[in-house]
Amino acid sequence: MKKTRESLNRPGTARYPKGKERVEKILDAAKNVLIKEGYGGLTMRNVALGAGTTVGNLQYYYADKDRLLRDMLEYMVTGFFEDFALILQDPKRMAEEKLVAYIDCIFDAFSVEDKGKFYPEFWAWSNHDPVAAKLMEEMYETGFSYLHGIIRQINPKLTAREVKDMTITIVGSIEGLVVFLGYRRPWAKSLKSVRDYTVSSCLHLVKTNGGRAKR
């Protein structure tokens, strides 16, 4: 699901293929540092070492860590958002099938090392860093918007508040399972059966609740 982002084409630093390749290498290095050393180890020096460049050259592309952090998170989640958009817009899928596909996108990431380790580290960072917390909030708002559309298709009677609350319930319950089913976790063998239980409960939640009062 990893894709080269069109937004790597940034004025002044990554307008051409060589610059885009350099930015992508930097973002990969930043991701790997975060995974291996945690948020405390994500320094400009460590990222430069991982990317095989100097701190000065790194700062040509990223003047400070906040800008690097923003691009790194966007780099990691773009594939998710592209997949979510395709699911939502797919005319061949029924609404319930779209919800299942959305859930599977998240579950599939559990077994992939970079995503299975990256997001728990980023969540931990967001508890200590206001910039990371804001970026995390923005990421979820975008990801939630796709699920809002799918839930509305399944149950048009739901109020806007109910759609938002169900979205938080669904995403929160799935991501909470990372602690047990993430990459190389001891309970990872249960991933398929837990996924099936989750799909069943989420479909039941959306189809059988709400819509009784406008808010």
N, C-alpha and C. Protein backbone atom coordinates (compact mmCIF):
# COMPACT_ATOMS: atom_id res chain seq x y z
N MET A 1 0.82 -1.20 0.00
CA MET A 1 0.00 0.00 0.00
C MET A 1 0.86 1.25 0.00
N LYS A 2 2.16 1.11 0.06
CA LYS A 2 3.04 2.26 0.05
C LYS A 2 3.08 2.88 -1.34
N LYS A 3 2.89 4.18 -1.42
CA LYS A 3 2.87 4.86 -2.70
C LYS A 3 3.73 6.11 -2.62
N THR A 4 4.27 6.52 -3.75
CA THR A 4 5.00 7.79 -3.80
C THR A 4 3.99 8.91 -3.88
N ARG A 5 4.06 9.84 -2.97
CA ARG A 5 3.06 10.89 -2.89
C ARG A 5 3.29 11.97 -3.91
N GLU A 6 2.23 12.41 -4.55
CA GLU A 6 2.33 13.53 -5.48
C GLU A 6 2.79 14.79 -4.75
N SER A 7 2.46 14.85 -3.44
CA SER A 7 2.84 16.03 -2.68
C SER A 7 4.32 16.07 -2.37
N LEU A 8 5.06 15.02 -2.77
CA LEU A 8 6.51 15.11 -2.66
C LEU A 8 7.06 16.15 -3.63
N ASN A 9 6.23 16.54 -4.60
CA ASN A 9 6.63 17.56 -5.57
C ASN A 9 6.47 18.92 -4.92
N ARG A 10 7.39 19.26 -4.01
CA ARG A 10 7.28 20.50 -3.25
C ARG A 10 8.15 21.58 -3.88
N PRO A 11 7.62 22.78 -4.02
CA PRO A 11 8.38 23.86 -4.65
C PRO A 11 9.71 24.10 -3.96
N GLY A 12 10.77 24.23 -4.74
CA GLY A 12 12.05 24.63 -4.21
C GLY A 12 12.96 23.52 -3.76
N THR A 13 12.42 22.35 -3.40
CA THR A 13 13.28 21.29 -2.90
C THR A 13 13.10 19.95 -3.61
N ALA A 14 11.90 19.63 -4.03
CA ALA A 14 11.66 18.30 -4.61
C ALA A 14 10.83 18.41 -5.89
N ARG A 15 11.23 19.29 -6.76
CA ARG A 15 10.45 19.51 -7.97
C ARG A 15 10.77 18.47 -9.04
N TYR A 16 11.93 17.87 -8.96
CA TYR A 16 12.40 16.97 -10.01
C TYR A 16 12.60 15.57 -9.44
N PRO A 17 12.71 14.54 -10.33
CA PRO A 17 12.81 13.15 -9.85
C PRO A 17 13.88 12.91 -8.80
N LYS A 18 15.07 13.48 -8.98
CA LYS A 18 16.15 13.26 -8.02
C LYS A 18 15.78 13.81 -6.64
N GLY A 19 15.14 14.98 -6.63
CA GLY A 19 14.71 15.57 -5.36
C GLY A 19 13.62 14.75 -4.70
N LYS A 20 12.68 14.23 -5.49
CA LYS A 20 11.62 13.39 -4.95
C LYS A 20 12.19 12.13 -4.34
N GLU A 21 13.17 11.53 -5.03
CA GLU A 21 13.80 10.32 -4.50
C GLU A 21 14.49 10.61 -3.17
N ARG A 22 15.14 11.76 -3.08
CA ARG A 22 15.83 12.13 -1.85
C ARG A 22 14.84 12.32 -0.71
N VAL A 23 13.71 13.00 -0.98
CA VAL A 23 12.70 13.21 0.04
C VAL A 23 12.12 11.88 0.50
N GLU A 24 11.84 10.99 -0.45
CA GLU A 24 11.27 9.70 -0.08
C GLU A 24 12.26 8.90 0.77
N LYS A 25 13.54 8.99 0.46
CA LYS A 25 14.57 8.30 1.24
C LYS A 25 14.62 8.86 2.65
N ILE A 26 14.50 10.18 2.77
CA ILE A 26 14.49 10.82 4.08
C ILE A 26 13.29 10.36 4.90
N LEU A 27 12.12 10.31 4.27
CA LEU A 27 10.90 9.91 4.98
C LEU A 27 10.96 8.45 5.40
N ASP A 28 11.53 7.61 4.55
CA ASP A 28 11.72 6.21 4.92
C ASP A 28 12.66 6.10 6.11
N ALA A 29 13.72 6.88 6.09
CA ALA A 29 14.68 6.86 7.19
C ALA A 29 14.03 7.33 8.49
N ALA A 30 13.23 8.39 8.42
CA ALA A 30 12.53 8.90 9.60
C ALA A 30 11.58 7.84 10.17
N LYS A 31 10.85 7.19 9.28
CA LYS A 31 9.94 6.12 9.71
C LYS A 31 10.72 5.01 10.42
N ASN A 32 11.84 4.60 9.85
CA ASN A 32 12.62 3.51 10.43
C ASN A 32 13.21 3.90 11.78
N VAL A 33 13.65 5.14 11.91
CA VAL A 33 14.18 5.60 13.19
C VAL A 33 13.09 5.57 14.26
N LEU A 34 11.90 6.04 13.91
CA LEU A 34 10.79 6.05 14.86
C LEU A 34 10.45 4.63 15.30
N ILE A 35 10.43 3.68 14.35
CA ILE A 35 10.09 2.30 14.65
C ILE A 35 11.13 1.65 15.56
N LYS A 36 12.41 1.89 15.26
CA LYS A 36 13.48 1.19 15.96
C LYS A 36 13.87 1.86 17.28
N GLU A 37 13.79 3.19 17.33
CA GLU A 37 14.30 3.91 18.49
C GLU A 37 13.24 4.67 19.28
N GLY A 38 12.01 4.69 18.78
CA GLY A 38 10.96 5.41 19.47
C GLY A 38 11.03 6.91 19.21
N TYR A 39 10.03 7.63 19.71
CA TYR A 39 9.96 9.06 19.42
C TYR A 39 11.13 9.83 20.00
N GLY A 40 11.71 9.31 21.10
CA GLY A 40 12.86 10.00 21.69
C GLY A 40 14.09 9.95 20.81
N GLY A 41 14.16 8.94 19.95
CA GLY A 41 15.32 8.79 19.08
C GLY A 41 15.19 9.47 17.73
N LEU A 42 14.02 10.07 17.47
CA LEU A 42 13.81 10.70 16.16
C LEU A 42 14.42 12.10 16.17
N THR A 43 15.71 12.16 15.93
CA THR A 43 16.43 13.43 15.83
C THR A 43 16.85 13.66 14.39
N MET A 44 17.13 14.90 14.06
CA MET A 44 17.57 15.22 12.71
C MET A 44 18.87 14.48 12.39
N ARG A 45 19.73 14.33 13.38
CA ARG A 45 21.00 13.64 13.17
C ARG A 45 20.77 12.16 12.84
N ASN A 46 19.88 11.51 13.59
CA ASN A 46 19.62 10.09 13.34
C ASN A 46 18.94 9.87 12.00
N VAL A 47 18.05 10.77 11.63
CA VAL A 47 17.39 10.65 10.32
C VAL A 47 18.41 10.84 9.20
N ALA A 48 19.30 11.80 9.36
CA ALA A 48 20.33 12.04 8.35
C ALA A 48 21.21 10.80 8.19
N LEU A 49 21.59 10.19 9.30
CA LEU A 49 22.39 8.97 9.25
C LEU A 49 21.66 7.86 8.51
N GLY A 50 20.37 7.71 8.82
CA GLY A 50 19.57 6.67 8.17
C GLY A 50 19.39 6.89 6.69
N ALA A 51 19.36 8.15 6.29
CA ALA A 51 19.16 8.49 4.88
C ALA A 51 20.48 8.56 4.12
N GLY A 52 21.60 8.39 4.83
CA GLY A 52 22.90 8.44 4.18
C GLY A 52 23.28 9.83 3.71
N THR A 53 22.92 10.84 4.51
CA THR A 53 23.21 12.21 4.13
C THR A 53 23.69 12.98 5.36
N THR A 54 23.92 14.26 5.19
CA THR A 54 24.35 15.11 6.30
C THR A 54 23.15 15.85 6.87
N VAL A 55 23.32 16.35 8.10
CA VAL A 55 22.25 17.15 8.70
C VAL A 55 22.00 18.40 7.86
N GLY A 56 23.06 18.99 7.34
CA GLY A 56 22.89 20.18 6.51
C GLY A 56 22.08 19.90 5.26
N ASN A 57 22.34 18.78 4.61
CA ASN A 57 21.57 18.42 3.42
C ASN A 57 20.12 18.09 3.78
N LEU A 58 19.95 17.42 4.92
CA LEU A 58 18.59 17.11 5.39
C LEU A 58 17.80 18.39 5.60
N GLN A 59 18.44 19.41 6.18
CA GLN A 59 17.75 20.67 6.47
C GLN A 59 17.46 21.48 5.21
N TYR A 60 18.09 21.14 4.11
CA TYR A 60 17.72 21.75 2.83
C TYR A 60 16.29 21.35 2.47
N TYR A 61 15.95 20.10 2.77
CA TYR A 61 14.61 19.59 2.49
C TYR A 61 13.64 19.85 3.64
N TYR A 62 14.15 19.73 4.86
CA TYR A 62 13.31 19.92 6.05
C TYR A 62 14.06 20.80 7.04
N ALA A 63 13.61 22.03 7.15
CA ALA A 63 14.30 23.00 8.00
C ALA A 63 14.20 22.65 9.49
N ASP A 64 13.13 21.94 9.86
CA ASP A 64 12.97 21.56 11.27
C ASP A 64 12.21 20.24 11.36
N LYS A 65 12.20 19.69 12.56
CA LYS A 65 11.60 18.37 12.76
C LYS A 65 10.08 18.39 12.60
N ASP A 66 9.44 19.51 12.91
CA ASP A 66 7.99 19.58 12.78
C ASP A 66 7.55 19.38 11.33
N ARG A 67 8.28 19.99 10.40
CA ARG A 67 7.94 19.81 8.98
C ARG A 67 8.19 18.37 8.54
N LEU A 68 9.27 17.81 9.03
CA LEU A 68 9.58 16.42 8.72
C LEU A 68 8.50 15.50 9.26
N LEU A 69 8.06 15.76 10.48
CA LEU A 69 7.03 14.96 11.13
C LEU A 69 5.74 14.98 10.32
N ARG A 70 5.34 16.15 9.87
CA ARG A 70 4.10 16.28 9.09
C ARG A 70 4.17 15.46 7.80
N ASP A 71 5.28 15.57 7.08
CA ASP A 71 5.41 14.84 5.83
C ASP A 71 5.52 13.34 6.06
N MET A 72 6.19 12.95 7.15
CA MET A 72 6.34 11.52 7.44
C MET A 72 4.99 10.88 7.70
N LEU A 73 4.14 11.53 8.48
CA LEU A 73 2.82 10.97 8.76
C LEU A 73 1.98 10.93 7.50
N GLU A 74 2.02 12.00 6.71
CA GLU A 74 1.26 12.02 5.46
C GLU A 74 1.74 10.91 4.53
N TYR A 75 3.04 10.71 4.49
CA TYR A 75 3.65 9.67 3.67
C TYR A 75 3.13 8.29 4.05
N MET A 76 2.96 8.06 5.35
CA MET A 76 2.51 6.76 5.83
C MET A 76 1.02 6.53 5.62
N VAL A 77 0.20 7.57 5.71
CA VAL A 77 -1.25 7.36 5.66
C VAL A 77 -1.85 7.55 4.28
N THR A 78 -1.09 8.10 3.34
CA THR A 78 -1.66 8.37 2.02
C THR A 78 -2.22 7.11 1.38
N GLY A 79 -1.51 5.99 1.51
CA GLY A 79 -2.01 4.75 0.93
C GLY A 79 -3.36 4.36 1.50
N PHE A 80 -3.52 4.53 2.83
CA PHE A 80 -4.82 4.25 3.45
C PHE A 80 -5.91 5.11 2.83
N PHE A 81 -5.67 6.40 2.73
CA PHE A 81 -6.69 7.31 2.25
C PHE A 81 -7.06 7.03 0.79
N GLU A 82 -6.07 6.68 -0.01
CA GLU A 82 -6.36 6.33 -1.40
C GLU A 82 -7.22 5.08 -1.47
N ASP A 83 -6.91 4.08 -0.63
CA ASP A 83 -7.71 2.86 -0.61
C ASP A 83 -9.12 3.13 -0.09
N PHE A 84 -9.24 3.97 0.95
CA PHE A 84 -10.56 4.31 1.48
C PHE A 84 -11.42 4.99 0.42
N ALA A 85 -10.82 5.91 -0.33
CA ALA A 85 -11.55 6.62 -1.38
C ALA A 85 -12.04 5.67 -2.45
N LEU A 86 -11.19 4.73 -2.85
CA LEU A 86 -11.58 3.75 -3.86
C LEU A 86 -12.73 2.88 -3.37
N ILE A 87 -12.69 2.50 -2.11
CA ILE A 87 -13.76 1.70 -1.53
C ILE A 87 -15.08 2.47 -1.55
N LEU A 88 -15.04 3.71 -1.09
CA LEU A 88 -16.25 4.52 -1.00
C LEU A 88 -16.87 4.77 -2.36
N GLN A 89 -16.04 4.94 -3.38
CA GLN A 89 -16.52 5.30 -4.71
C GLN A 89 -16.81 4.10 -5.60
N ASP A 90 -16.55 2.90 -5.13
CA ASP A 90 -16.71 1.70 -5.95
C ASP A 90 -18.19 1.40 -6.19
N PRO A 91 -18.68 1.55 -7.43
CA PRO A 91 -20.10 1.32 -7.70
C PRO A 91 -20.49 -0.15 -7.67
N LYS A 92 -19.51 -1.05 -7.70
CA LYS A 92 -19.80 -2.48 -7.73
C LYS A 92 -19.99 -3.07 -6.34
N ARG A 93 -19.60 -2.31 -5.33
CA ARG A 93 -19.72 -2.81 -3.96
C ARG A 93 -21.00 -2.29 -3.31
N MET A 94 -21.70 -3.18 -2.62
CA MET A 94 -22.81 -2.76 -1.78
C MET A 94 -22.25 -2.04 -0.56
N ALA A 95 -23.11 -1.28 0.11
CA ALA A 95 -22.65 -0.48 1.25
C ALA A 95 -22.01 -1.34 2.34
N GLU A 96 -22.62 -2.49 2.62
CA GLU A 96 -22.07 -3.35 3.66
C GLU A 96 -20.70 -3.91 3.25
N GLU A 97 -20.54 -4.19 1.98
CA GLU A 97 -19.24 -4.67 1.48
C GLU A 97 -18.17 -3.60 1.63
N LYS A 98 -18.56 -2.34 1.49
CA LYS A 98 -17.61 -1.24 1.65
C LYS A 98 -17.11 -1.16 3.10
N LEU A 99 -18.03 -1.36 4.05
CA LEU A 99 -17.62 -1.34 5.45
C LEU A 99 -16.64 -2.47 5.74
N VAL A 100 -16.92 -3.65 5.20
CA VAL A 100 -16.03 -4.79 5.41
C VAL A 100 -14.65 -4.50 4.80
N ALA A 101 -14.64 -3.92 3.60
CA ALA A 101 -13.37 -3.60 2.95
C ALA A 101 -12.58 -2.56 3.75
N TYR A 102 -13.27 -1.57 4.30
CA TYR A 102 -12.63 -0.55 5.14
C TYR A 102 -11.99 -1.20 6.36
N ILE A 103 -12.73 -2.07 7.02
CA ILE A 103 -12.21 -2.77 8.19
C ILE A 103 -10.99 -3.61 7.81
N ASP A 104 -11.07 -4.28 6.67
CA ASP A 104 -9.95 -5.13 6.24
C ASP A 104 -8.69 -4.31 5.96
N CYS A 105 -8.85 -3.09 5.48
CA CYS A 105 -7.68 -2.23 5.25
C CYS A 105 -6.89 -2.03 6.54
N ILE A 106 -7.62 -1.84 7.63
CA ILE A 106 -6.95 -1.61 8.91
C ILE A 106 -6.36 -2.91 9.45
N PHE A 107 -7.13 -3.99 9.36
CA PHE A 107 -6.61 -5.28 9.83
C PHE A 107 -5.39 -5.72 9.04
N ASP A 108 -5.41 -5.50 7.73
CA ASP A 108 -4.27 -5.91 6.90
C ASP A 108 -2.97 -5.24 7.34
N ALA A 109 -3.09 -4.02 7.85
CA ALA A 109 -1.90 -3.29 8.28
C ALA A 109 -1.27 -3.88 9.53
N PHE A 110 -2.05 -4.64 10.31
CA PHE A 110 -1.52 -5.23 11.54
C PHE A 110 -0.32 -6.12 11.27
N SER A 111 -0.39 -6.89 10.18
CA SER A 111 0.63 -7.90 9.92
C SER A 111 1.84 -7.36 9.17
N VAL A 112 1.82 -6.07 8.83
CA VAL A 112 2.94 -5.45 8.11
C VAL A 112 3.85 -4.76 9.12
N GLU A 113 5.14 -5.06 9.07
CA GLU A 113 6.05 -4.58 10.11
C GLU A 113 6.07 -3.07 10.24
N ASP A 114 6.20 -2.35 9.11
CA ASP A 114 6.37 -0.90 9.24
C ASP A 114 5.14 -0.24 9.84
N LYS A 115 3.95 -0.60 9.37
CA LYS A 115 2.73 0.00 9.91
C LYS A 115 2.39 -0.56 11.29
N GLY A 116 2.62 -1.86 11.48
CA GLY A 116 2.33 -2.47 12.77
C GLY A 116 3.14 -1.88 13.91
N LYS A 117 4.33 -1.36 13.61
CA LYS A 117 5.17 -0.75 14.64
C LYS A 117 5.10 0.77 14.62
N PHE A 118 4.88 1.35 13.43
CA PHE A 118 4.91 2.81 13.29
C PHE A 118 3.81 3.49 14.10
N TYR A 119 2.57 3.03 13.93
CA TYR A 119 1.45 3.75 14.54
C TYR A 119 1.47 3.71 16.07
N PRO A 120 1.78 2.57 16.72
CA PRO A 120 1.89 2.63 18.19
C PRO A 120 2.95 3.62 18.66
N GLU A 121 4.07 3.73 17.93
CA GLU A 121 5.10 4.70 18.30
C GLU A 121 4.59 6.13 18.11
N PHE A 122 3.85 6.34 17.03
CA PHE A 122 3.34 7.68 16.78
C PHE A 122 2.27 8.06 17.80
N TRP A 123 1.44 7.10 18.18
CA TRP A 123 0.44 7.36 19.22
C TRP A 123 1.14 7.76 20.52
N ALA A 124 2.21 7.05 20.87
CA ALA A 124 2.95 7.38 22.09
C ALA A 124 3.53 8.79 22.00
N TRP A 125 4.06 9.14 20.84
CA TRP A 125 4.63 10.47 20.64
C TRP A 125 3.56 11.54 20.81
N SER A 126 2.37 11.29 20.28
CA SER A 126 1.31 12.29 20.34
C SER A 126 0.88 12.59 21.77
N ASN A 127 1.19 11.69 22.71
CA ASN A 127 0.88 11.95 24.12
C ASN A 127 1.83 12.94 24.76
N HIS A 128 2.96 13.20 24.08
CA HIS A 128 4.00 14.06 24.66
C HIS A 128 4.30 15.30 23.83
N ASP A 129 3.88 15.29 22.57
CA ASP A 129 4.27 16.37 21.66
C ASP A 129 3.01 16.99 21.05
N PRO A 130 2.78 18.30 21.26
CA PRO A 130 1.56 18.93 20.74
C PRO A 130 1.48 18.93 19.22
N VAL A 131 2.61 19.02 18.53
CA VAL A 131 2.59 18.96 17.06
C VAL A 131 2.15 17.58 16.59
N ALA A 132 2.71 16.55 17.19
CA ALA A 132 2.32 15.18 16.85
C ALA A 132 0.83 14.95 17.17
N ALA A 133 0.37 15.49 18.29
CA ALA A 133 -1.03 15.33 18.67
C ALA A 133 -1.96 15.99 17.65
N LYS A 134 -1.59 17.17 17.17
CA LYS A 134 -2.39 17.86 16.18
C LYS A 134 -2.41 17.11 14.86
N LEU A 135 -1.26 16.59 14.45
CA LEU A 135 -1.19 15.82 13.21
C LEU A 135 -2.02 14.54 13.31
N MET A 136 -1.97 13.90 14.48
CA MET A 136 -2.77 12.71 14.69
C MET A 136 -4.26 13.02 14.58
N GLU A 137 -4.67 14.13 15.16
CA GLU A 137 -6.07 14.55 15.08
C GLU A 137 -6.49 14.78 13.63
N GLU A 138 -5.65 15.47 12.87
CA GLU A 138 -5.96 15.74 11.47
C GLU A 138 -6.04 14.44 10.66
N MET A 139 -5.14 13.50 10.95
CA MET A 139 -5.14 12.23 10.25
C MET A 139 -6.45 11.48 10.48
N TYR A 140 -6.89 11.45 11.74
CA TYR A 140 -8.12 10.73 12.04
C TYR A 140 -9.34 11.42 11.45
N GLU A 141 -9.36 12.74 11.47
CA GLU A 141 -10.50 13.45 10.88
C GLU A 141 -10.66 13.09 9.41
N THR A 142 -9.54 12.99 8.70
CA THR A 142 -9.60 12.61 7.28
C THR A 142 -10.04 11.17 7.12
N GLY A 143 -9.44 10.27 7.88
CA GLY A 143 -9.81 8.86 7.80
C GLY A 143 -11.25 8.60 8.19
N PHE A 144 -11.73 9.33 9.22
CA PHE A 144 -13.11 9.19 9.65
C PHE A 144 -14.09 9.59 8.55
N SER A 145 -13.74 10.61 7.78
CA SER A 145 -14.67 11.14 6.79
C SER A 145 -15.09 10.08 5.77
N TYR A 146 -14.18 9.18 5.43
CA TYR A 146 -14.52 8.10 4.49
C TYR A 146 -15.51 7.13 5.12
N LEU A 147 -15.28 6.81 6.39
CA LEU A 147 -16.18 5.88 7.08
C LEU A 147 -17.55 6.51 7.31
N HIS A 148 -17.59 7.82 7.52
CA HIS A 148 -18.88 8.49 7.65
C HIS A 148 -19.76 8.20 6.44
N GLY A 149 -19.17 8.33 5.25
CA GLY A 149 -19.93 8.11 4.02
C GLY A 149 -20.43 6.69 3.89
N ILE A 150 -19.61 5.73 4.30
CA ILE A 150 -20.01 4.32 4.20
C ILE A 150 -21.14 4.03 5.18
N ILE A 151 -21.03 4.53 6.40
CA ILE A 151 -22.06 4.29 7.41
C ILE A 151 -23.39 4.89 6.97
N ARG A 152 -23.35 6.08 6.39
CA ARG A 152 -24.58 6.72 5.92
C ARG A 152 -25.24 5.91 4.81
N GLN A 153 -24.43 5.29 3.96
CA GLN A 153 -24.99 4.46 2.90
C GLN A 153 -25.69 3.23 3.47
N ILE A 154 -25.15 2.68 4.53
CA ILE A 154 -25.76 1.49 5.14
C ILE A 154 -27.05 1.84 5.87
N ASN A 155 -27.02 2.94 6.62
CA ASN A 155 -28.17 3.32 7.43
C ASN A 155 -28.44 4.82 7.31
N PRO A 156 -29.20 5.21 6.29
CA PRO A 156 -29.46 6.64 6.05
C PRO A 156 -30.24 7.33 7.17
N LYS A 157 -30.84 6.56 8.07
CA LYS A 157 -31.64 7.15 9.15
C LYS A 157 -30.79 7.73 10.29
N LEU A 158 -29.54 7.38 10.30
CA LEU A 158 -28.68 7.83 11.40
C LEU A 158 -28.50 9.34 11.38
N THR A 159 -28.44 9.93 12.56
CA THR A 159 -28.13 11.35 12.67
C THR A 159 -26.63 11.57 12.50
N ALA A 160 -26.24 12.80 12.27
CA ALA A 160 -24.82 13.12 12.10
C ALA A 160 -24.03 12.74 13.34
N ARG A 161 -24.59 12.99 14.53
CA ARG A 161 -23.91 12.64 15.78
C ARG A 161 -23.73 11.14 15.90
N GLU A 162 -24.76 10.39 15.53
CA GLU A 162 -24.68 8.94 15.62
C GLU A 162 -23.62 8.39 14.66
N VAL A 163 -23.54 8.96 13.48
CA VAL A 163 -22.53 8.54 12.51
C VAL A 163 -21.13 8.76 13.07
N LYS A 164 -20.90 9.93 13.64
CA LYS A 164 -19.58 10.24 14.21
C LYS A 164 -19.25 9.31 15.37
N ASP A 165 -20.22 9.06 16.24
CA ASP A 165 -19.96 8.21 17.40
C ASP A 165 -19.70 6.76 16.98
N MET A 166 -20.43 6.29 15.98
CA MET A 166 -20.21 4.93 15.49
C MET A 166 -18.85 4.80 14.82
N THR A 167 -18.45 5.85 14.13
CA THR A 167 -17.13 5.85 13.49
C THR A 167 -16.04 5.70 14.53
N ILE A 168 -16.12 6.48 15.60
CA ILE A 168 -15.13 6.40 16.68
C ILE A 168 -15.14 5.01 17.31
N THR A 169 -16.32 4.46 17.51
CA THR A 169 -16.46 3.13 18.10
C THR A 169 -15.79 2.07 17.24
N ILE A 170 -16.04 2.13 15.93
CA ILE A 170 -15.50 1.12 15.01
C ILE A 170 -13.98 1.22 14.91
N VAL A 171 -13.49 2.42 14.62
CA VAL A 171 -12.05 2.58 14.44
C VAL A 171 -11.30 2.33 15.75
N GLY A 172 -11.85 2.85 16.86
CA GLY A 172 -11.20 2.67 18.14
C GLY A 172 -11.13 1.21 18.56
N SER A 173 -12.21 0.47 18.31
CA SER A 173 -12.20 -0.95 18.70
C SER A 173 -11.22 -1.75 17.87
N ILE A 174 -11.10 -1.42 16.59
CA ILE A 174 -10.16 -2.15 15.73
C ILE A 174 -8.72 -1.81 16.10
N GLU A 175 -8.42 -0.53 16.23
CA GLU A 175 -7.04 -0.15 16.51
C GLU A 175 -6.59 -0.57 17.90
N GLY A 176 -7.53 -0.70 18.81
CA GLY A 176 -7.17 -1.20 20.14
C GLY A 176 -6.66 -2.63 20.11
N LEU A 177 -7.02 -3.35 19.06
CA LEU A 177 -6.58 -4.74 18.93
C LEU A 177 -5.12 -4.87 18.53
N VAL A 178 -4.51 -3.76 18.11
CA VAL A 178 -3.10 -3.79 17.73
C VAL A 178 -2.24 -4.31 18.88
N VAL A 179 -2.63 -3.98 20.11
CA VAL A 179 -1.88 -4.42 21.29
C VAL A 179 -1.79 -5.95 21.33
N PHE A 180 -2.83 -6.62 20.84
CA PHE A 180 -2.88 -8.08 20.91
C PHE A 180 -2.54 -8.76 19.59
N LEU A 181 -2.88 -8.11 18.47
CA LEU A 181 -2.78 -8.76 17.17
C LEU A 181 -1.76 -8.13 16.23
N GLY A 182 -1.02 -7.15 16.73
CA GLY A 182 -0.04 -6.46 15.88
C GLY A 182 1.10 -7.35 15.44
N TYR A 183 2.01 -6.75 14.70
CA TYR A 183 3.13 -7.49 14.11
C TYR A 183 3.90 -8.28 15.17
N ARG A 184 3.94 -9.63 14.98
CA ARG A 184 4.64 -10.56 15.85
C ARG A 184 4.16 -10.55 17.30
N ARG A 185 2.93 -10.12 17.52
CA ARG A 185 2.36 -10.23 18.87
C ARG A 185 2.00 -11.69 19.12
N PRO A 186 2.01 -12.13 20.37
CA PRO A 186 1.79 -13.55 20.65
C PRO A 186 0.40 -14.06 20.27
N TRP A 187 -0.57 -13.15 20.14
CA TRP A 187 -1.93 -13.58 19.80
C TRP A 187 -2.27 -13.35 18.32
N ALA A 188 -1.25 -13.08 17.50
CA ALA A 188 -1.50 -12.75 16.09
C ALA A 188 -2.19 -13.88 15.33
N LYS A 189 -2.07 -15.11 15.82
CA LYS A 189 -2.72 -16.23 15.14
C LYS A 189 -4.23 -16.13 15.19
N SER A 190 -4.73 -15.32 16.09
CA SER A 190 -6.19 -15.15 16.22
C SER A 190 -6.72 -14.05 15.32
N LEU A 191 -5.86 -13.46 14.48
CA LEU A 191 -6.25 -12.30 13.68
C LEU A 191 -7.49 -12.57 12.84
N LYS A 192 -7.53 -13.69 12.14
CA LYS A 192 -8.65 -13.96 11.23
C LYS A 192 -9.98 -14.09 11.98
N SER A 193 -9.99 -14.85 13.05
CA SER A 193 -11.25 -15.04 13.77
C SER A 193 -11.69 -13.74 14.45
N VAL A 194 -10.74 -12.98 15.00
CA VAL A 194 -11.09 -11.70 15.62
C VAL A 194 -11.60 -10.74 14.55
N ARG A 195 -11.00 -10.77 13.39
CA ARG A 195 -11.47 -9.93 12.28
C ARG A 195 -12.93 -10.27 11.94
N ASP A 196 -13.25 -11.55 11.89
CA ASP A 196 -14.62 -11.97 11.57
C ASP A 196 -15.60 -11.50 12.63
N TYR A 197 -15.22 -11.63 13.91
CA TYR A 197 -16.09 -11.14 14.99
C TYR A 197 -16.29 -9.63 14.88
N THR A 198 -15.22 -8.92 14.55
CA THR A 198 -15.29 -7.46 14.45
C THR A 198 -16.21 -7.03 13.31
N VAL A 199 -16.08 -7.67 12.17
CA VAL A 199 -16.95 -7.36 11.03
C VAL A 199 -18.41 -7.57 11.41
N SER A 200 -18.70 -8.70 12.04
CA SER A 200 -20.08 -9.01 12.44
C SER A 200 -20.63 -7.97 13.41
N SER A 201 -19.84 -7.61 14.41
CA SER A 201 -20.33 -6.66 15.42
C SER A 201 -20.49 -5.25 14.84
N CYS A 202 -19.58 -4.85 13.94
CA CYS A 202 -19.66 -3.51 13.35
C CYS A 202 -20.87 -3.40 12.43
N LEU A 203 -21.12 -4.42 11.64
CA LEU A 203 -22.30 -4.41 10.77
C LEU A 203 -23.58 -4.35 11.60
N HIS A 204 -23.62 -5.11 12.67
CA HIS A 204 -24.80 -5.09 13.55
C HIS A 204 -24.99 -3.71 14.17
N LEU A 205 -23.90 -3.10 14.61
CA LEU A 205 -23.96 -1.78 15.23
C LEU A 205 -24.58 -0.76 14.27
N VAL A 206 -24.11 -0.73 13.05
CA VAL A 206 -24.56 0.28 12.09
C VAL A 206 -25.99 0.01 11.61
N LYS A 207 -26.32 -1.23 11.41
CA LYS A 207 -27.62 -1.57 10.81
C LYS A 207 -28.78 -1.50 11.78
N THR A 208 -28.51 -1.69 13.06
CA THR A 208 -29.64 -1.88 14.00
C THR A 208 -29.78 -0.77 15.03
N ASN A 209 -28.97 0.26 14.95
CA ASN A 209 -29.01 1.31 15.98
C ASN A 209 -29.31 2.66 15.39
N GLY A 210 -29.80 3.57 16.28
CA GLY A 210 -29.86 4.99 15.98
C GLY A 210 -30.98 5.44 15.08
N GLY A 211 -30.91 6.73 14.77
CA GLY A 211 -31.87 7.34 13.87
C GLY A 211 -33.21 7.69 14.47
N ARG A 212 -33.32 7.57 15.78
CA ARG A 212 -34.62 7.79 16.40
C ARG A 212 -34.90 9.25 16.76
N ALA A 213 -33.83 10.04 16.79
CA ALA A 213 -34.04 11.46 17.15
C ALA A 213 -33.01 12.31 16.46
N LYS A 214 -33.42 13.47 16.01
CA LYS A 214 -32.50 14.42 15.37
C LYS A 214 -31.76 15.18 16.43
N ARG A 215 -30.44 15.43 16.13
CA ARG A 215 -29.63 16.20 17.09
C ARG A 215 -28.93 17.32 16.34
